Amino acid sequence: MLALGSSCIYPVQASQAEKPAIVLVAFGTSVAEARKVFNHIESRAKERFPGYDIRWAFTSQFIINKLKKQGIVSHSVAEVVSELRQRGVKQVVFQSLHVVPGQEYASVKKVDMTGLEVAYGDALLTSPADIDAVINALKPEILAQQATVIVAHGNDRHPQYNSQLHALADRIEPRYPNLVVASVEGTPGIEPLQKVRAMCRQTGTVRFVPLMIVAGDHIMNDVMGDSVDSWKSIVAAETTECARSLGWNNDVLEIYFSHLEHALEQLQKG
């Protein structure tokens, strides 16, 4: 796996050379336990797209640098592009594993792609149909009678990128009266947790459902940490549960892969 392995040059097999390279692009994480999900995603991608050369890239330079200090080599989109050029690859599809088409997603398209034919797979919550598909994919994680919090990331500096989170909240909250969408940054923020705190006085339990590919630092500390300002402390439930991150949900991965399939089709049409 490119994002977590060494910086060695992988040979491209003949069958792979005839197809576009696929680059799975994630924000990244420095949490070892959380990184295991990348192996699952890669395994599912190889099953779904056999014979393709599949690579990884991270959009967070901070994470790349932090991993380097741990002796773990990962790569930026620009570094992967440079490597693919050196190998003579002509066509590349970049599949975003970001949740919303926001700041990190936009950064991929800013990388110089001179000399390459490229296509970009949409982020998870791009269209209204995507939002409905994600709600369906999350059904197994939601118990109608249990207080539930969808944990989004959000964006403080660029509020326009929070629009898809509000669209999700507008669609899913009416279906589940005991559920709210909250975010670590930006809006909807943590205000919805006050509603959950009131619910927990009655139910005694809360379930956090990450709207994130990996359950990294935000889930471990901001949500499930023991500090007085963690989400777990704010809602003050007797029992706290946390679902697995989106990367383990195969129905969610299928949404990403449908976006990837569409991008491949676009590339083939020229």
C-alpha atoms as a PDB file:
ATOM      1  CA  MET A   1       0.000   0.000   0.000  1.00  0.00           C
ATOM      2  CA  LEU A   2       1.636   3.231  -1.158  1.00  0.00           C
ATOM      3  CA  ALA A   3       0.492   5.514   1.622  1.00  0.00           C
ATOM      4  CA  LEU A   4       1.829   3.341   4.419  1.00  0.00           C
ATOM      5  CA  GLY A   5       4.642   1.335   2.926  1.00  0.00           C
ATOM      6  CA  SER A   6       8.155   2.103   1.784  1.00  0.00           C
ATOM      7  CA  SER A   7       9.089   4.445  -1.038  1.00  0.00           C
ATOM      8  CA  CYS A   8      10.146   1.619  -3.338  1.00  0.00           C
ATOM      9  CA  ILE A   9       9.146   1.687  -7.007  1.00  0.00           C
ATOM     10  CA  TYR A  10       6.498  -0.880  -7.790  1.00  0.00           C
ATOM     11  CA  PRO A  11       6.727  -2.519 -11.220  1.00  0.00           C
ATOM     12  CA  VAL A  12       3.711  -2.016 -13.452  1.00  0.00           C
ATOM     13  CA  GLN A  13       2.511  -5.273 -14.976  1.00  0.00           C
ATOM     14  CA  ALA A  14       1.547  -5.378 -18.638  1.00  0.00           C
ATOM     15  CA  SER A  15      -2.144  -5.817 -17.831  1.00  0.00           C
ATOM     16  CA  GLN A  16      -2.011  -2.785 -15.566  1.00  0.00           C
ATOM     17  CA  ALA A  17      -0.156  -0.621 -18.085  1.00  0.00           C
ATOM     18  CA  GLU A  18      -3.103  -0.913 -20.459  1.00  0.00           C
ATOM     19  CA  LYS A  19      -5.452   0.639 -17.914  1.00  0.00           C
ATOM     20  CA  PRO A  20      -5.456   4.030 -16.175  1.00  0.00           C
ATOM     21  CA  ALA A  21      -3.716   4.183 -12.820  1.00  0.00           C
ATOM     22  CA  ILE A  22      -6.070   4.659  -9.868  1.00  0.00           C
ATOM     23  CA  VAL A  23      -4.973   6.906  -7.015  1.00  0.00           C
ATOM     24  CA  LEU A  24      -7.035   6.724  -3.821  1.00  0.00           C
ATOM     25  CA  VAL A  25      -6.750  10.108  -2.129  1.00  0.00           C
ATOM     26  CA  ALA A  26      -7.416  10.515   1.597  1.00  0.00           C
ATOM     27  CA  PHE A  27      -6.647  13.177   4.171  1.00  0.00           C
ATOM     28  CA  GLY A  28      -4.544  10.661   6.100  1.00  0.00           C
ATOM     29  CA  THR A  29      -4.065   9.820   9.766  1.00  0.00           C
ATOM     30  CA  SER A  30      -1.129   9.280  12.089  1.00  0.00           C
ATOM     31  CA  VAL A  31      -3.087   6.946  14.391  1.00  0.00           C
ATOM     32  CA  ALA A  32      -1.803   3.396  13.849  1.00  0.00           C
ATOM     33  CA  GLU A  33      -5.043   1.646  14.791  1.00  0.00           C
ATOM     34  CA  ALA A  34      -7.075   3.940  12.549  1.00  0.00           C
ATOM     35  CA  ARG A  35      -4.770   3.311   9.560  1.00  0.00           C
ATOM     36  CA  LYS A  36      -5.864  -0.324   9.408  1.00  0.00           C
ATOM     37  CA  VAL A  37      -8.973   0.811   7.546  1.00  0.00           C
ATOM     38  CA  PHE A  38      -6.826   1.779   4.540  1.00  0.00           C
ATOM     39  CA  ASN A  39      -5.911  -1.879   4.056  1.00  0.00           C
ATOM     40  CA  HIS A  40      -9.603  -2.774   4.022  1.00  0.00           C
ATOM     41  CA  ILE A  41     -10.386  -0.049   1.495  1.00  0.00           C
ATOM     42  CA  GLU A  42      -7.513  -1.139  -0.739  1.00  0.00           C
ATOM     43  CA  SER A  43      -8.598  -4.771  -0.569  1.00  0.00           C
ATOM     44  CA  ARG A  44     -12.146  -3.857  -1.591  1.00  0.00           C
ATOM     45  CA  ALA A  45     -10.868  -1.599  -4.377  1.00  0.00           C
ATOM     46  CA  LYS A  46      -8.726  -4.388  -5.812  1.00  0.00           C
ATOM     47  CA  GLU A  47     -11.720  -6.727  -5.783  1.00  0.00           C
ATOM     48  CA  ARG A  48     -13.905  -4.109  -7.479  1.00  0.00           C
ATOM     49  CA  PHE A  49     -11.265  -3.029 -10.032  1.00  0.00           C
ATOM     50  CA  PRO A  50      -9.066  -6.059 -10.761  1.00  0.00           C
ATOM     51  CA  GLY A  51      -6.006  -5.530 -12.911  1.00  0.00           C
ATOM     52  CA  TYR A  52      -5.660  -1.824 -12.144  1.00  0.00           C
ATOM     53  CA  ASP A  53      -2.540  -0.235 -10.654  1.00  0.00           C
ATOM     54  CA  ILE A  54      -3.916   1.218  -7.399  1.00  0.00           C
ATOM     55  CA  ARG A  55      -1.926   3.799  -5.434  1.00  0.00           C
ATOM     56  CA  TRP A  56      -2.479   6.019  -2.401  1.00  0.00           C
ATOM     57  CA  ALA A  57      -1.914   9.692  -1.717  1.00  0.00           C
ATOM     58  CA  PHE A  58      -2.590  11.895   1.305  1.00  0.00           C
ATOM     59  CA  THR A  59      -3.694  15.523   1.082  1.00  0.00           C
ATOM     60  CA  SER A  60      -2.434  16.477   4.553  1.00  0.00           C
ATOM     61  CA  GLN A  61       1.244  17.421   4.452  1.00  0.00           C
ATOM     62  CA  PHE A  62       1.127  17.668   8.242  1.00  0.00           C
ATOM     63  CA  ILE A  63       0.169  13.984   8.441  1.00  0.00           C
ATOM     64  CA  ILE A  64       2.791  13.004   5.853  1.00  0.00           C
ATOM     65  CA  ASN A  65       5.495  14.790   7.878  1.00  0.00           C
ATOM     66  CA  LYS A  66       4.276  13.293  11.152  1.00  0.00           C
ATOM     67  CA  LEU A  67       4.319   9.778   9.694  1.00  0.00           C
ATOM     68  CA  LYS A  68       7.827  10.370   8.357  1.00  0.00           C
ATOM     69  CA  LYS A  69       9.018  11.059  11.912  1.00  0.00           C
ATOM     70  CA  GLN A  70       7.550   7.666  12.844  1.00  0.00           C
ATOM     71  CA  GLY A  71       9.521   6.008  10.037  1.00  0.00           C
ATOM     72  CA  ILE A  72       6.439   5.562   7.846  1.00  0.00           C
ATOM     73  CA  VAL A  73       6.647   6.760   4.251  1.00  0.00           C
ATOM     74  CA  SER A  74       3.521   8.206   2.666  1.00  0.00           C
ATOM     75  CA  HIS A  75       3.107  10.433  -0.357  1.00  0.00           C
ATOM     76  CA  SER A  76       1.364  13.594  -1.452  1.00  0.00           C
ATOM     77  CA  VAL A  77      -0.663  13.793  -4.656  1.00  0.00           C
ATOM     78  CA  ALA A  78       2.151  15.733  -6.351  1.00  0.00           C
ATOM     79  CA  GLU A  79       4.689  13.059  -5.420  1.00  0.00           C
ATOM     80  CA  VAL A  80       2.502  10.279  -6.803  1.00  0.00           C
ATOM     81  CA  VAL A  81       1.930  12.265 -10.007  1.00  0.00           C
ATOM     82  CA  SER A  82       5.686  12.712 -10.431  1.00  0.00           C
ATOM     83  CA  GLU A  83       6.281   8.990  -9.950  1.00  0.00           C
ATOM     84  CA  LEU A  84       3.583   8.037 -12.439  1.00  0.00           C
ATOM     85  CA  ARG A  85       5.036  10.421 -15.021  1.00  0.00           C
ATOM     86  CA  GLN A  86       8.468   8.850 -14.589  1.00  0.00           C
ATOM     87  CA  ARG A  87       6.946   5.461 -15.351  1.00  0.00           C
ATOM     88  CA  GLY A  88       5.311   6.685 -18.498  1.00  0.00           C
ATOM     89  CA  VAL A  89       1.750   6.437 -17.215  1.00  0.00           C
ATOM     90  CA  LYS A  90      -0.562   8.554 -19.377  1.00  0.00           C
ATOM     91  CA  GLN A  91      -3.991   8.185 -17.765  1.00  0.00           C
ATOM     92  CA  VAL A  92      -4.840   8.573 -14.076  1.00  0.00           C
ATOM     93  CA  VAL A  93      -8.059   8.619 -12.078  1.00  0.00           C
ATOM     94  CA  PHE A  94      -7.943  10.296  -8.683  1.00  0.00           C
ATOM     95  CA  GLN A  95     -10.652   8.984  -6.395  1.00  0.00           C
ATOM     96  CA  SER A  96     -11.315  11.235  -3.452  1.00  0.00           C
ATOM     97  CA  LEU A  97     -11.988   9.501  -0.152  1.00  0.00           C
ATOM     98  CA  HIS A  98     -12.998  12.812   1.391  1.00  0.00           C
ATOM     99  CA  VAL A  99     -16.512  13.123   2.779  1.00  0.00           C
ATOM    100  CA  VAL A 100     -17.441  16.478   1.226  1.00  0.00           C
ATOM    101  CA  PRO A 101     -16.148  18.207  -1.912  1.00  0.00           C
ATOM    102  CA  GLY A 102     -14.352  20.763   0.219  1.00  0.00           C
ATOM    103  CA  GLN A 103     -10.912  22.232   0.788  1.00  0.00           C
ATOM    104  CA  GLU A 104      -8.953  18.960   0.696  1.00  0.00           C
ATOM    105  CA  TYR A 105     -10.865  17.718  -2.341  1.00  0.00           C
ATOM    106  CA  ALA A 106     -10.197  20.991  -4.185  1.00  0.00           C
ATOM    107  CA  SER A 107      -6.464  20.743  -3.412  1.00  0.00           C
ATOM    108  CA  VAL A 108      -6.177  17.614  -5.562  1.00  0.00           C
ATOM    109  CA  LYS A 109      -7.327  19.496  -8.653  1.00  0.00           C
ATOM    110  CA  LYS A 110      -4.734  22.223  -8.043  1.00  0.00           C
ATOM    111  CA  VAL A 111      -1.830  19.805  -8.572  1.00  0.00           C
ATOM    112  CA  ASP A 112      -0.051  20.190 -11.927  1.00  0.00           C
ATOM    113  CA  MET A 113      -1.210  17.315 -14.159  1.00  0.00           C
ATOM    114  CA  THR A 114       0.678  18.394 -17.295  1.00  0.00           C
ATOM    115  CA  GLY A 115       1.195  15.492 -19.679  1.00  0.00           C
ATOM    116  CA  LEU A 116      -1.481  13.322 -18.087  1.00  0.00           C
ATOM    117  CA  GLU A 117      -5.056  12.558 -19.008  1.00  0.00           C
ATOM    118  CA  VAL A 118      -6.911  12.704 -15.710  1.00  0.00           C
ATOM    119  CA  ALA A 119     -10.367  12.309 -14.244  1.00  0.00           C
ATOM    120  CA  TYR A 120     -11.546  12.916 -10.701  1.00  0.00           C
ATOM    121  CA  GLY A 121     -13.953  10.756  -8.720  1.00  0.00           C
ATOM    122  CA  ASP A 122     -16.398  12.749  -6.603  1.00  0.00           C
ATOM    123  CA  ALA A 123     -16.237  12.993  -2.818  1.00  0.00           C
ATOM    124  CA  LEU A 124     -18.784  11.015  -0.815  1.00  0.00           C
ATOM    125  CA  LEU A 125     -21.461  13.694  -0.318  1.00  0.00           C
ATOM    126  CA  THR A 126     -21.518  15.431  -3.681  1.00  0.00           C
ATOM    127  CA  SER A 127     -25.090  15.072  -4.954  1.00  0.00           C
ATOM    128  CA  PRO A 128     -28.524  14.701  -3.323  1.00  0.00           C
ATOM    129  CA  ALA A 129     -28.490  11.076  -4.519  1.00  0.00           C
ATOM    130  CA  ASP A 130     -25.192  10.582  -2.671  1.00  0.00           C
ATOM    131  CA  ILE A 131     -26.718  11.910   0.532  1.00  0.00           C
ATOM    132  CA  ASP A 132     -29.642   9.494   0.269  1.00  0.00           C
ATOM    133  CA  ALA A 133     -27.247   6.618  -0.456  1.00  0.00           C
ATOM    134  CA  VAL A 134     -25.148   7.470   2.609  1.00  0.00           C
ATOM    135  CA  ILE A 135     -28.249   7.615   4.812  1.00  0.00           C
ATOM    136  CA  ASN A 136     -29.184   4.139   3.597  1.00  0.00           C
ATOM    137  CA  ALA A 137     -25.628   2.907   4.190  1.00  0.00           C
ATOM    138  CA  LEU A 138     -25.754   4.185   7.777  1.00  0.00           C
ATOM    139  CA  LYS A 139     -29.061   2.483   8.634  1.00  0.00           C
ATOM    140  CA  PRO A 140     -27.399  -0.513  10.371  1.00  0.00           C
ATOM    141  CA  GLU A 141     -25.564   1.901  12.688  1.00  0.00           C
ATOM    142  CA  ILE A 142     -28.697   3.738  13.832  1.00  0.00           C
ATOM    143  CA  LEU A 143     -31.170   2.521  16.441  1.00  0.00           C
ATOM    144  CA  ALA A 144     -34.331   4.603  16.254  1.00  0.00           C
ATOM    145  CA  GLN A 145     -34.840   4.745  20.040  1.00  0.00           C
ATOM    146  CA  GLN A 146     -31.204   5.485  20.912  1.00  0.00           C
ATOM    147  CA  ALA A 147     -29.674   8.946  21.110  1.00  0.00           C
ATOM    148  CA  THR A 148     -27.309   9.113  18.127  1.00  0.00           C
ATOM    149  CA  VAL A 149     -24.762  11.654  16.936  1.00  0.00           C
ATOM    150  CA  ILE A 150     -23.404  11.707  13.390  1.00  0.00           C
ATOM    151  CA  VAL A 151     -19.848  13.001  13.858  1.00  0.00           C
ATOM    152  CA  ALA A 152     -18.746  15.214  10.957  1.00  0.00           C
ATOM    153  CA  HIS A 153     -15.517  17.147  10.582  1.00  0.00           C
ATOM    154  CA  GLY A 154     -16.690  20.517   9.266  1.00  0.00           C
ATOM    155  CA  ASN A 155     -14.663  23.544   8.245  1.00  0.00           C
ATOM    156  CA  ASP A 156     -14.082  26.717  10.310  1.00  0.00           C
ATOM    157  CA  ARG A 157     -12.294  28.787   7.690  1.00  0.00           C
ATOM    158  CA  HIS A 158     -14.421  27.995   4.655  1.00  0.00           C
ATOM    159  CA  PRO A 159     -18.066  27.762   5.753  1.00  0.00           C
ATOM    160  CA  GLN A 160     -19.257  27.113   2.195  1.00  0.00           C
ATOM    161  CA  TYR A 161     -17.826  23.609   2.505  1.00  0.00           C
ATOM    162  CA  ASN A 162     -20.268  22.815   5.310  1.00  0.00           C
ATOM    163  CA  SER A 163     -23.295  23.017   3.019  1.00  0.00           C
ATOM    164  CA  GLN A 164     -23.373  19.270   2.373  1.00  0.00           C
ATOM    165  CA  LEU A 165     -23.369  18.566   6.111  1.00  0.00           C
ATOM    166  CA  HIS A 166     -26.407  20.789   6.524  1.00  0.00           C
ATOM    167  CA  ALA A 167     -28.058  19.031   3.577  1.00  0.00           C
ATOM    168  CA  LEU A 168     -27.377  15.689   5.257  1.00  0.00           C
ATOM    169  CA  ALA A 169     -28.806  16.958   8.544  1.00  0.00           C
ATOM    170  CA  ASP A 170     -31.920  18.267   6.769  1.00  0.00           C
ATOM    171  CA  ARG A 171     -32.541  14.831   5.249  1.00  0.00           C
ATOM    172  CA  ILE A 172     -31.589  12.448   8.050  1.00  0.00           C
ATOM    173  CA  GLU A 173     -32.726  14.207  11.235  1.00  0.00           C
ATOM    174  CA  PRO A 174     -36.461  14.177  10.337  1.00  0.00           C
ATOM    175  CA  ARG A 175     -36.208  10.404   9.803  1.00  0.00           C
ATOM    176  CA  TYR A 176     -34.643   9.811  13.203  1.00  0.00           C
ATOM    177  CA  PRO A 177     -35.966  12.155  15.935  1.00  0.00           C
ATOM    178  CA  ASN A 178     -33.278  10.958  18.366  1.00  0.00           C
ATOM    179  CA  LEU A 179     -30.409  11.699  15.951  1.00  0.00           C
ATOM    180  CA  VAL A 180     -28.415  14.868  15.327  1.00  0.00           C
ATOM    181  CA  VAL A 181     -25.571  15.809  12.997  1.00  0.00           C
ATOM    182  CA  ALA A 182     -22.739  17.679  14.740  1.00  0.00           C
ATOM    183  CA  SER A 183     -19.260  18.738  13.624  1.00  0.00           C
ATOM    184  CA  VAL A 184     -15.841  19.161  15.182  1.00  0.00           C
ATOM    185  CA  GLU A 185     -15.302  22.410  13.251  1.00  0.00           C
ATOM    186  CA  GLY A 186     -17.548  24.929  11.538  1.00  0.00           C
ATOM    187  CA  THR A 187     -21.281  24.284  11.420  1.00  0.00           C
ATOM    188  CA  PRO A 188     -23.451  22.623  12.576  1.00  0.00           C
ATOM    189  CA  GLY A 189     -20.806  22.533  15.340  1.00  0.00           C
ATOM    190  CA  ILE A 190     -21.396  21.087  18.797  1.00  0.00           C
ATOM    191  CA  GLU A 191     -24.632  22.925  19.645  1.00  0.00           C
ATOM    192  CA  PRO A 192     -26.720  19.859  18.651  1.00  0.00           C
ATOM    193  CA  LEU A 193     -25.050  17.958  21.517  1.00  0.00           C
ATOM    194  CA  GLN A 194     -27.229  19.853  23.989  1.00  0.00           C
ATOM    195  CA  LYS A 195     -30.300  18.134  22.517  1.00  0.00           C
ATOM    196  CA  VAL A 196     -28.525  14.797  22.895  1.00  0.00           C
ATOM    197  CA  ARG A 197     -27.559  15.599  26.485  1.00  0.00           C
ATOM    198  CA  ALA A 198     -31.246  16.118  27.284  1.00  0.00           C
ATOM    199  CA  MET A 199     -32.131  12.848  25.545  1.00  0.00           C
ATOM    200  CA  CYS A 200     -29.474  10.954  27.471  1.00  0.00           C
ATOM    201  CA  ARG A 201     -31.136  11.895  30.749  1.00  0.00           C
ATOM    202  CA  GLN A 202     -34.007   9.705  29.560  1.00  0.00           C
ATOM    203  CA  THR A 203     -32.261   6.966  27.571  1.00  0.00           C
ATOM    204  CA  GLY A 204     -28.951   6.754  29.441  1.00  0.00           C
ATOM    205  CA  THR A 205     -27.055   5.804  26.275  1.00  0.00           C
ATOM    206  CA  VAL A 206     -25.577   7.569  23.257  1.00  0.00           C
ATOM    207  CA  ARG A 207     -24.076   6.252  20.038  1.00  0.00           C
ATOM    208  CA  PHE A 208     -21.561   8.238  18.015  1.00  0.00           C
ATOM    209  CA  VAL A 209     -21.408   7.426  14.299  1.00  0.00           C
ATOM    210  CA  PRO A 210     -18.294   8.852  12.580  1.00  0.00           C
ATOM    211  CA  LEU A 211     -18.896  10.551   9.256  1.00  0.00           C
ATOM    212  CA  MET A 212     -15.187  10.104   8.634  1.00  0.00           C
ATOM    213  CA  ILE A 213     -13.231   7.502   6.668  1.00  0.00           C
ATOM    214  CA  VAL A 214     -10.889   6.883   9.595  1.00  0.00           C
ATOM    215  CA  ALA A 215     -11.512   7.032  13.336  1.00  0.00           C
ATOM    216  CA  GLY A 216      -8.376   9.022  14.102  1.00  0.00           C
ATOM    217  CA  ASP A 217      -7.520  11.799  16.519  1.00  0.00           C
ATOM    218  CA  HIS A 218     -10.888  13.563  16.316  1.00  0.00           C
ATOM    219  CA  ILE A 219     -12.805  10.434  17.289  1.00  0.00           C
ATOM    220  CA  MET A 220     -10.303   9.255  19.885  1.00  0.00           C
ATOM    221  CA  ASN A 221      -9.887  12.619  21.626  1.00  0.00           C
ATOM    222  CA  ASP A 222     -12.484  15.224  20.623  1.00  0.00           C
ATOM    223  CA  VAL A 223     -15.365  12.747  20.755  1.00  0.00           C
ATOM    224  CA  MET A 224     -14.421   9.801  22.954  1.00  0.00           C
ATOM    225  CA  GLY A 225     -11.728  11.421  25.086  1.00  0.00           C
ATOM    226  CA  ASP A 226     -11.922  11.864  28.852  1.00  0.00           C
ATOM    227  CA  SER A 227     -11.444  15.647  28.915  1.00  0.00           C
ATOM    228  CA  VAL A 228     -14.260  17.830  30.222  1.00  0.00           C
ATOM    229  CA  ASP A 229     -14.869  19.294  26.751  1.00  0.00           C
ATOM    230  CA  SER A 230     -15.024  15.987  24.865  1.00  0.00           C
ATOM    231  CA  TRP A 231     -18.331  15.112  23.255  1.00  0.00           C
ATOM    232  CA  LYS A 232     -18.638  12.105  25.545  1.00  0.00           C
ATOM    233  CA  SER A 233     -18.348  14.395  28.563  1.00  0.00           C
ATOM    234  CA  ILE A 234     -20.750  16.974  27.147  1.00  0.00           C
ATOM    235  CA  VAL A 235     -23.611  14.529  26.565  1.00  0.00           C
ATOM    236  CA  ALA A 236     -22.895  12.802  29.909  1.00  0.00           C
ATOM    237  CA  ALA A 237     -24.528   9.491  29.053  1.00  0.00           C
ATOM    238  CA  GLU A 238     -24.231   6.494  31.347  1.00  0.00           C
ATOM    239  CA  THR A 239     -23.195   4.360  28.370  1.00  0.00           C
ATOM    240  CA  THR A 240     -21.305   5.607  25.312  1.00  0.00           C
ATOM    241  CA  GLU A 241     -20.857   3.661  22.082  1.00  0.00           C
ATOM    242  CA  CYS A 242     -18.953   4.533  18.932  1.00  0.00           C
ATOM    243  CA  ALA A 243     -19.511   2.906  15.553  1.00  0.00           C
ATOM    244  CA  ARG A 244     -16.659   2.069  13.199  1.00  0.00           C
ATOM    245  CA  SER A 245     -15.537   4.685  10.723  1.00  0.00           C
ATOM    246  CA  LEU A 246     -16.981   4.951   7.216  1.00  0.00           C
ATOM    247  CA  GLY A 247     -14.040   3.134   5.639  1.00  0.00           C
ATOM    248  CA  TRP A 248     -15.235  -0.138   7.184  1.00  0.00           C
ATOM    249  CA  ASN A 249     -18.743   0.270   5.759  1.00  0.00           C
ATOM    250  CA  ASN A 250     -18.824  -1.593   2.448  1.00  0.00           C
ATOM    251  CA  ASP A 251     -22.021   0.160   1.377  1.00  0.00           C
ATOM    252  CA  VAL A 252     -20.243   3.485   1.797  1.00  0.00           C
ATOM    253  CA  LEU A 253     -17.269   2.180  -0.168  1.00  0.00           C
ATOM    254  CA  GLU A 254     -19.643   1.191  -2.942  1.00  0.00           C
ATOM    255  CA  ILE A 255     -20.691   4.844  -3.239  1.00  0.00           C
ATOM    256  CA  TYR A 256     -17.061   5.871  -3.629  1.00  0.00           C
ATOM    257  CA  PHE A 257     -16.485   3.083  -6.142  1.00  0.00           C
ATOM    258  CA  SER A 258     -19.488   4.142  -8.203  1.00  0.00           C
ATOM    259  CA  HIS A 259     -17.902   7.602  -8.388  1.00  0.00           C
ATOM    260  CA  LEU A 260     -14.630   5.971  -9.413  1.00  0.00           C
ATOM    261  CA  GLU A 261     -16.377   3.921 -12.067  1.00  0.00           C
ATOM    262  CA  HIS A 262     -17.967   7.076 -13.473  1.00  0.00           C
ATOM    263  CA  ALA A 263     -14.572   8.821 -13.575  1.00  0.00           C
ATOM    264  CA  LEU A 264     -13.051   5.858 -15.442  1.00  0.00           C
ATOM    265  CA  GLU A 265     -15.865   6.072 -17.965  1.00  0.00           C
ATOM    266  CA  GLN A 266     -15.239   9.784 -18.420  1.00  0.00           C
ATOM    267  CA  LEU A 267     -11.560   9.144 -19.068  1.00  0.00           C
ATOM    268  CA  GLN A 268     -12.278   6.438 -21.621  1.00  0.00           C
ATOM    269  CA  LYS A 269     -14.689   8.728 -23.486  1.00  0.00           C
ATOM    270  CA  GLY A 270     -11.964  11.348 -23.688  1.00  0.00           C
END
